[in-house]
């Protein structure tokens, strides 16, 4: 009988955890929805979009430079290992 009580308590605990997840997801959705609504009605929407595009372009350029450097290092490594 003690095992049944433990299973019941475990089931309640699992149910509580599941309810907490649902509530957290609902709150997160409400926050995200509010942020999107604020963004879409903001007077500075165009400025924010422009800033995001500029940042994305800069990151893309810098990432490309890092990739190119990585390729060069790998090519040099391959050449040096083939010479040995």
N, C-alpha and C. Protein backbone atom coordinates (compact mmCIF):
# COMPACT_ATOMS: atom_id res chain seq x y z
N UNK A 1 0.82 -1.19 0.00
CA UNK A 1 0.00 0.00 0.00
C UNK A 1 0.87 1.25 0.00
N UNK A 2 2.01 1.17 0.65
CA UNK A 2 2.94 2.30 0.70
C UNK A 2 3.43 2.64 -0.71
N UNK A 3 3.60 1.61 -1.54
CA UNK A 3 4.04 1.83 -2.93
C UNK A 3 3.01 2.60 -3.72
N UNK A 4 1.73 2.33 -3.46
CA UNK A 4 0.65 3.04 -4.17
C UNK A 4 0.67 4.52 -3.80
N UNK A 5 0.94 4.83 -2.54
CA UNK A 5 1.00 6.23 -2.10
C UNK A 5 2.17 6.93 -2.78
N UNK A 6 3.31 6.25 -2.87
CA UNK A 6 4.48 6.85 -3.53
C UNK A 6 4.19 7.10 -5.00
N UNK A 7 3.53 6.14 -5.66
CA UNK A 7 3.19 6.33 -7.08
C UNK A 7 2.22 7.50 -7.25
N UNK A 8 1.25 7.61 -6.35
CA UNK A 8 0.28 8.70 -6.42
C UNK A 8 0.97 10.04 -6.23
N UNK A 9 1.88 10.12 -5.25
CA UNK A 9 2.62 11.36 -5.03
C UNK A 9 3.49 11.69 -6.23
N UNK A 10 4.13 10.68 -6.81
CA UNK A 10 4.97 10.90 -7.99
C UNK A 10 4.12 11.40 -9.15
N UNK A 11 2.93 10.83 -9.31
CA UNK A 11 2.04 11.26 -10.38
C UNK A 11 1.61 12.70 -10.17
N UNK A 12 1.31 13.06 -8.93
CA UNK A 12 0.93 14.45 -8.63
C UNK A 12 2.09 15.39 -8.93
N UNK A 13 3.29 14.99 -8.55
CA UNK A 13 4.48 15.81 -8.79
C UNK A 13 4.70 15.99 -10.28
N UNK A 14 4.59 14.90 -11.05
CA UNK A 14 4.74 14.99 -12.50
C UNK A 14 3.67 15.90 -13.10
N UNK A 15 2.46 15.80 -12.59
CA UNK A 15 1.36 16.63 -13.07
C UNK A 15 1.62 18.10 -12.76
N UNK A 16 2.16 18.38 -11.57
CA UNK A 16 2.49 19.75 -11.20
C UNK A 16 3.58 20.29 -12.12
N UNK A 17 4.59 19.47 -12.40
CA UNK A 17 5.66 19.91 -13.29
C UNK A 17 5.11 20.20 -14.68
N UNK A 18 4.20 19.37 -15.14
CA UNK A 18 3.60 19.56 -16.46
C UNK A 18 2.78 20.86 -16.48
N UNK A 19 2.03 21.12 -15.41
CA UNK A 19 1.26 22.36 -15.32
C UNK A 19 2.18 23.58 -15.31
N UNK A 20 3.31 23.48 -14.61
CA UNK A 20 4.27 24.59 -14.56
C UNK A 20 4.84 24.85 -15.95
N UNK A 21 5.09 23.79 -16.71
CA UNK A 21 5.61 23.96 -18.08
C UNK A 21 4.58 24.66 -18.95
N UNK A 22 3.32 24.28 -18.81
CA UNK A 22 2.26 24.90 -19.60
C UNK A 22 2.13 26.37 -19.25
N UNK A 23 2.15 26.69 -17.97
CA UNK A 23 2.05 28.08 -17.54
C UNK A 23 3.24 28.89 -18.03
N UNK A 24 4.44 28.32 -17.92
CA UNK A 24 5.65 29.02 -18.39
C UNK A 24 5.58 29.25 -19.90
N UNK A 25 5.10 28.27 -20.65
CA UNK A 25 4.97 28.43 -22.11
C UNK A 25 3.95 29.51 -22.44
N UNK A 26 2.85 29.55 -21.70
CA UNK A 26 1.83 30.57 -21.91
C UNK A 26 2.39 31.96 -21.64
N UNK A 27 3.12 32.11 -20.54
CA UNK A 27 3.71 33.41 -20.19
C UNK A 27 4.74 33.83 -21.23
N UNK A 28 5.58 32.88 -21.65
CA UNK A 28 6.59 33.19 -22.67
C UNK A 28 5.91 33.62 -23.97
N UNK A 29 4.85 32.94 -24.35
CA UNK A 29 4.11 33.31 -25.56
C UNK A 29 3.50 34.69 -25.46
N UNK A 30 2.98 35.01 -24.29
CA UNK A 30 2.39 36.33 -24.08
C UNK A 30 3.45 37.42 -24.17
N UNK A 31 4.60 37.17 -23.58
CA UNK A 31 5.69 38.15 -23.62
C UNK A 31 6.17 38.34 -25.06
N UNK A 32 6.37 37.25 -25.77
CA UNK A 32 6.83 37.33 -27.16
C UNK A 32 5.78 38.04 -28.01
N UNK A 33 4.53 37.68 -27.83
CA UNK A 33 3.45 38.34 -28.57
C UNK A 33 3.40 39.83 -28.28
N UNK A 34 3.56 40.20 -27.03
CA UNK A 34 3.58 41.62 -26.67
C UNK A 34 4.75 42.35 -27.30
N UNK A 35 5.91 41.71 -27.31
CA UNK A 35 7.09 42.32 -27.93
C UNK A 35 6.88 42.52 -29.42
N UNK A 36 6.29 41.53 -30.08
CA UNK A 36 6.03 41.65 -31.52
C UNK A 36 5.02 42.76 -31.78
N UNK A 37 3.97 42.83 -30.98
CA UNK A 37 2.96 43.88 -31.15
C UNK A 37 3.59 45.25 -30.95
N UNK A 38 4.42 45.39 -29.92
CA UNK A 38 5.10 46.66 -29.67
C UNK A 38 5.99 47.02 -30.86
N UNK A 39 6.73 46.05 -31.36
CA UNK A 39 7.62 46.29 -32.49
C UNK A 39 6.84 46.75 -33.71
N UNK A 40 5.75 46.07 -34.01
CA UNK A 40 4.97 46.39 -35.21
C UNK A 40 4.29 47.75 -35.12
N UNK A 41 4.01 48.22 -33.91
CA UNK A 41 3.36 49.52 -33.76
C UNK A 41 4.35 50.63 -33.41
N UNK A 42 5.61 50.31 -33.29
CA UNK A 42 6.62 51.28 -32.90
C UNK A 42 6.88 52.29 -34.01
N UNK A 43 7.11 53.53 -33.60
CA UNK A 43 7.46 54.58 -34.56
C UNK A 43 8.86 54.37 -35.12
N UNK A 44 9.70 53.68 -34.39
CA UNK A 44 11.08 53.48 -34.80
C UNK A 44 11.29 52.14 -35.49
N UNK A 45 10.22 51.54 -35.98
CA UNK A 45 10.30 50.22 -36.61
C UNK A 45 11.31 50.21 -37.75
N UNK A 46 11.23 51.20 -38.63
CA UNK A 46 12.13 51.24 -39.79
C UNK A 46 13.59 51.39 -39.35
N UNK A 47 13.82 52.20 -38.33
CA UNK A 47 15.18 52.39 -37.81
C UNK A 47 15.71 51.08 -37.22
N UNK A 48 14.85 50.38 -36.48
CA UNK A 48 15.26 49.10 -35.89
C UNK A 48 15.58 48.08 -36.98
N UNK A 49 14.76 48.03 -38.01
CA UNK A 49 14.99 47.09 -39.11
C UNK A 49 16.31 47.42 -39.80
N UNK A 50 16.56 48.70 -40.03
CA UNK A 50 17.81 49.13 -40.66
C UNK A 50 19.01 48.74 -39.80
N UNK A 51 18.91 48.95 -38.49
CA UNK A 51 19.99 48.57 -37.57
C UNK A 51 20.23 47.07 -37.61
N UNK A 52 19.15 46.29 -37.61
CA UNK A 52 19.28 44.83 -37.66
C UNK A 52 19.95 44.38 -38.95
N UNK A 53 19.56 45.00 -40.07
CA UNK A 53 20.17 44.65 -41.35
C UNK A 53 21.65 44.99 -41.36
N UNK A 54 22.01 46.16 -40.84
CA UNK A 54 23.42 46.56 -40.78
C UNK A 54 24.22 45.59 -39.93
N UNK A 55 23.66 45.23 -38.79
CA UNK A 55 24.35 44.29 -37.90
C UNK A 55 24.50 42.93 -38.58
N UNK A 56 23.45 42.47 -39.25
CA UNK A 56 23.51 41.18 -39.94
C UNK A 56 24.56 41.21 -41.05
N UNK A 57 24.63 42.31 -41.79
CA UNK A 57 25.63 42.42 -42.85
C UNK A 57 27.05 42.40 -42.27
N UNK A 58 27.25 43.12 -41.16
CA UNK A 58 28.57 43.15 -40.52
C UNK A 58 28.97 41.77 -40.02
N UNK A 59 28.04 41.09 -39.37
CA UNK A 59 28.32 39.74 -38.85
C UNK A 59 28.62 38.79 -40.00
N UNK A 60 27.86 38.90 -41.08
CA UNK A 60 28.08 38.04 -42.25
C UNK A 60 29.47 38.27 -42.82
N UNK A 61 29.88 39.52 -42.93
CA UNK A 61 31.21 39.84 -43.46
C UNK A 61 32.30 39.30 -42.55
N UNK A 62 32.17 39.54 -41.24
CA UNK A 62 33.17 39.07 -40.28
C UNK A 62 33.23 37.55 -40.25
N UNK A 63 32.08 36.91 -40.32
CA UNK A 63 32.04 35.45 -40.31
C UNK A 63 32.72 34.91 -41.56
N UNK A 64 32.49 35.55 -42.70
CA UNK A 64 33.14 35.15 -43.94
C UNK A 64 34.64 35.26 -43.85
N UNK A 65 35.13 36.33 -43.20
CA UNK A 65 36.57 36.50 -43.02
C UNK A 65 37.14 35.39 -42.14
N UNK A 66 36.43 35.03 -41.09
CA UNK A 66 36.88 33.95 -40.20
C UNK A 66 36.91 32.63 -40.97
N UNK A 67 35.90 32.38 -41.78
CA UNK A 67 35.86 31.15 -42.59
C UNK A 67 37.04 31.11 -43.54
N UNK A 68 37.33 32.24 -44.20
CA UNK A 68 38.46 32.29 -45.12
C UNK A 68 39.78 32.02 -44.40
N UNK A 69 39.95 32.59 -43.22
CA UNK A 69 41.18 32.35 -42.45
C UNK A 69 41.27 30.88 -42.05
N UNK A 70 40.14 30.29 -41.66
CA UNK A 70 40.12 28.87 -41.30
C UNK A 70 40.49 27.99 -42.47
N UNK A 71 39.99 28.31 -43.64
CA UNK A 71 40.34 27.55 -44.85
C UNK A 71 41.83 27.63 -45.13
N UNK A 72 42.39 28.84 -44.98
CA UNK A 72 43.82 29.04 -45.23
C UNK A 72 44.64 28.21 -44.25
N UNK A 73 44.26 28.22 -42.99
CA UNK A 73 44.98 27.43 -41.98
C UNK A 73 44.91 25.95 -42.33
N UNK A 74 43.74 25.47 -42.72
CA UNK A 74 43.59 24.05 -43.07
C UNK A 74 44.39 23.69 -44.32
N UNK A 75 44.41 24.58 -45.32
CA UNK A 75 45.20 24.33 -46.53
C UNK A 75 46.68 24.28 -46.19
N UNK A 76 47.15 25.23 -45.37
CA UNK A 76 48.56 25.23 -44.96
C UNK A 76 48.90 23.97 -44.19
N UNK A 77 48.00 23.55 -43.32
CA UNK A 77 48.20 22.34 -42.54
C UNK A 77 48.31 21.12 -43.45
N UNK A 78 47.42 21.04 -44.43
CA UNK A 78 47.43 19.91 -45.37
C UNK A 78 48.71 19.90 -46.19
N UNK A 79 49.14 21.07 -46.66
CA UNK A 79 50.37 21.15 -47.46
C UNK A 79 51.57 20.75 -46.61
N UNK A 80 51.65 21.25 -45.38
CA UNK A 80 52.78 20.93 -44.50
C UNK A 80 52.81 19.45 -44.15
N UNK A 81 51.68 18.82 -43.96
CA UNK A 81 51.64 17.40 -43.62
C UNK A 81 51.96 16.53 -44.83
N UNK A 82 51.65 16.97 -46.02
CA UNK A 82 51.97 16.20 -47.23
C UNK A 82 53.45 16.27 -47.55
N UNK A 83 54.14 17.33 -47.12
CA UNK A 83 55.57 17.47 -47.38
C UNK A 83 56.40 16.57 -46.49
N UNK A 84 55.88 16.16 -45.36
CA UNK A 84 56.65 15.37 -44.38
C UNK A 84 56.67 13.92 -44.73
